[in-house]
Protein backbone atom coordinates (compact mmCIF):
# COMPACT_ATOMS: atom_id res chain seq x y z
CA MET A 1 -3.72 43.36 -8.92
CA ARG A 2 -4.26 43.08 -5.23
CA TRP A 3 -7.73 41.98 -5.42
CA GLY A 4 -6.72 39.31 -8.13
CA GLY A 5 -4.41 37.65 -5.52
CA PHE A 6 -7.25 38.09 -2.73
CA ALA A 7 -9.82 36.43 -5.04
CA GLY A 8 -7.41 33.59 -5.94
CA CYS A 9 -7.16 32.91 -2.10
CA VAL A 10 -10.97 32.94 -1.56
CA LEU A 11 -11.42 30.61 -4.56
CA ALA A 12 -8.78 28.31 -3.16
CA VAL A 13 -10.40 28.23 0.13
CA LEU A 14 -13.79 27.45 -1.10
CA ALA A 15 -12.39 24.85 -3.55
CA ALA A 16 -10.90 23.17 -0.65
CA GLY A 17 -13.75 22.96 1.44
CA CYS A 18 -15.98 21.60 -1.60
CA GLY A 19 -16.43 17.63 -1.30
CA LYS A 20 -18.83 15.31 -0.18
CA ALA A 21 -21.09 17.30 2.03
CA GLY A 22 -22.25 15.71 5.05
CA LYS A 23 -20.28 12.47 4.66
CA GLU A 24 -17.82 11.42 7.40
CA HIS A 25 -14.41 10.35 5.69
CA GLY A 26 -12.72 7.43 7.54
CA GLU A 27 -11.03 4.28 6.37
CA LEU A 28 -11.05 0.60 7.16
CA THR A 29 -7.81 -0.97 7.74
CA GLY A 30 -6.53 -4.34 8.81
CA LYS A 31 -4.84 -7.49 8.10
CA VAL A 32 -5.95 -10.68 6.15
CA THR A 33 -4.41 -14.02 7.22
CA MET A 34 -5.01 -17.52 6.63
CA ASN A 35 -3.33 -20.24 8.92
CA GLY A 36 -1.59 -17.27 10.71
CA ARG A 37 0.23 -16.05 7.56
CA SER A 38 -0.32 -13.64 4.96
CA PRO A 39 -1.89 -15.12 1.77
CA GLY A 40 -0.07 -12.44 -0.47
CA VAL A 41 -1.55 -9.56 -2.64
CA LEU A 42 -5.43 -9.94 -2.50
CA THR A 43 -8.23 -7.74 -3.65
CA LEU A 44 -10.95 -6.80 -1.08
CA VAL A 45 -14.48 -5.56 -1.99
CA VAL A 46 -17.02 -4.39 0.60
CA THR A 47 -20.73 -4.13 -0.09
CA GLY A 48 -22.91 -1.96 2.16
CA PRO A 49 -26.56 -2.44 2.92
CA ASP A 50 -27.32 0.04 0.34
CA GLY A 51 -25.27 -1.74 -2.32
CA LYS A 52 -22.58 0.68 -2.47
CA THR A 53 -19.13 -0.90 -2.77
CA ALA A 54 -15.66 0.10 -1.85
CA GLY A 55 -12.59 -1.82 -2.08
CA GLY A 56 -8.53 -2.05 -1.75
CA ASN A 57 -5.75 -4.39 -2.02
CA THR A 58 -3.47 -6.06 0.56
CA ASN A 59 0.05 -5.87 0.48
CA ASP A 60 2.52 -8.74 0.83
CA ALA A 61 2.34 -8.74 4.48
CA GLY A 62 -1.51 -8.98 4.20
CA GLU A 63 -2.41 -5.56 5.25
CA TYR A 64 -5.04 -3.70 3.72
CA ARG A 65 -6.90 0.00 3.36
CA ILE A 66 -10.22 0.70 2.08
CA PRO A 67 -11.00 4.23 2.05
CA ASP A 68 -14.60 5.66 2.49
CA PRO A 69 -16.25 2.42 2.92
CA PRO A 70 -20.03 2.43 3.09
CA GLN A 71 -21.46 2.54 6.68
CA GLY A 72 -23.47 -0.20 7.79
CA ASP A 73 -23.04 -4.02 8.02
CA LEU A 74 -20.49 -4.82 5.36
CA LYS A 75 -20.17 -7.83 3.22
CA PHE A 76 -16.60 -8.82 2.16
CA GLN A 77 -15.26 -10.50 -0.72
CA VAL A 78 -11.64 -11.68 -0.95
CA ILE A 79 -10.34 -12.22 -4.28
CA ALA A 80 -7.04 -13.64 -4.93
CA PRO A 81 -5.27 -13.10 -8.47
CA ARG A 82 -4.97 -16.27 -10.79
CA GLN A 83 -1.57 -17.78 -11.21
CA VAL A 84 -1.21 -20.19 -13.97
CA GLY A 85 0.02 -23.75 -12.63
CA LYS A 86 -0.61 -22.64 -8.86
CA PRO A 87 -3.72 -23.28 -6.77
CA PRO A 88 -5.57 -20.37 -5.70
CA ALA A 89 -3.98 -18.40 -2.45
CA VAL A 90 -7.34 -18.39 -0.71
CA PRO A 91 -10.29 -20.54 -1.33
CA ALA A 92 -12.62 -19.45 -4.17
CA LYS A 93 -15.67 -19.26 -1.82
CA TYR A 94 -14.18 -16.17 -0.22
CA GLY A 95 -14.60 -14.21 -3.70
CA LYS A 96 -18.48 -14.80 -3.38
CA GLN A 97 -20.91 -12.76 -1.50
CA GLY A 98 -22.45 -14.65 1.30
CA ASN A 99 -19.09 -16.04 2.43
CA GLY A 100 -19.65 -15.06 6.04
CA ILE A 101 -17.00 -12.44 6.22
CA THR A 102 -19.08 -9.23 7.45
CA TYR A 103 -18.35 -6.27 9.65
CA SER A 104 -20.39 -3.31 11.07
CA TYR A 105 -18.66 -0.10 10.02
CA THR A 106 -19.87 2.96 11.96
CA GLY A 107 -17.56 5.49 10.16
CA GLY A 108 -14.18 7.05 11.04
CA ASN A 109 -11.13 5.06 11.24
CA GLN A 110 -11.70 1.40 12.12
CA THR A 111 -9.62 -1.85 12.03
CA TYR A 112 -10.94 -5.07 11.11
CA ASP A 113 -8.46 -8.13 10.88
CA ILE A 114 -9.66 -11.04 8.80
CA ASP A 115 -8.78 -14.71 9.49
CA LEU A 116 -9.40 -17.05 6.53
CA LYS A 117 -10.01 -20.55 7.09
CA PRO A 118 -8.88 -22.96 4.39
């Protein structure tokens, strides 16, 4: 029985070490504002130079967290949920690629605040 416990510990240590080998883990965080205020809950999608994407949502204060974004020059899309009878929280142009929101992410933990223009 002693070996069974030891083998279980070894397997647990090996499994904990398994993951995306060679990839640096990090996150991109920040705050989205428009006219100095949070536009509410939004979805952010980033696309890296290789076409890989990652994303996250803002909270009510406009703060976001995107775990493990692709490295390189990122292009952002900011998408507001549709609300019946109300105008969009952000202009529709921000939901499309090529909207001018970019950031060069080099890995690790970084902060990028986004100030949208109406």
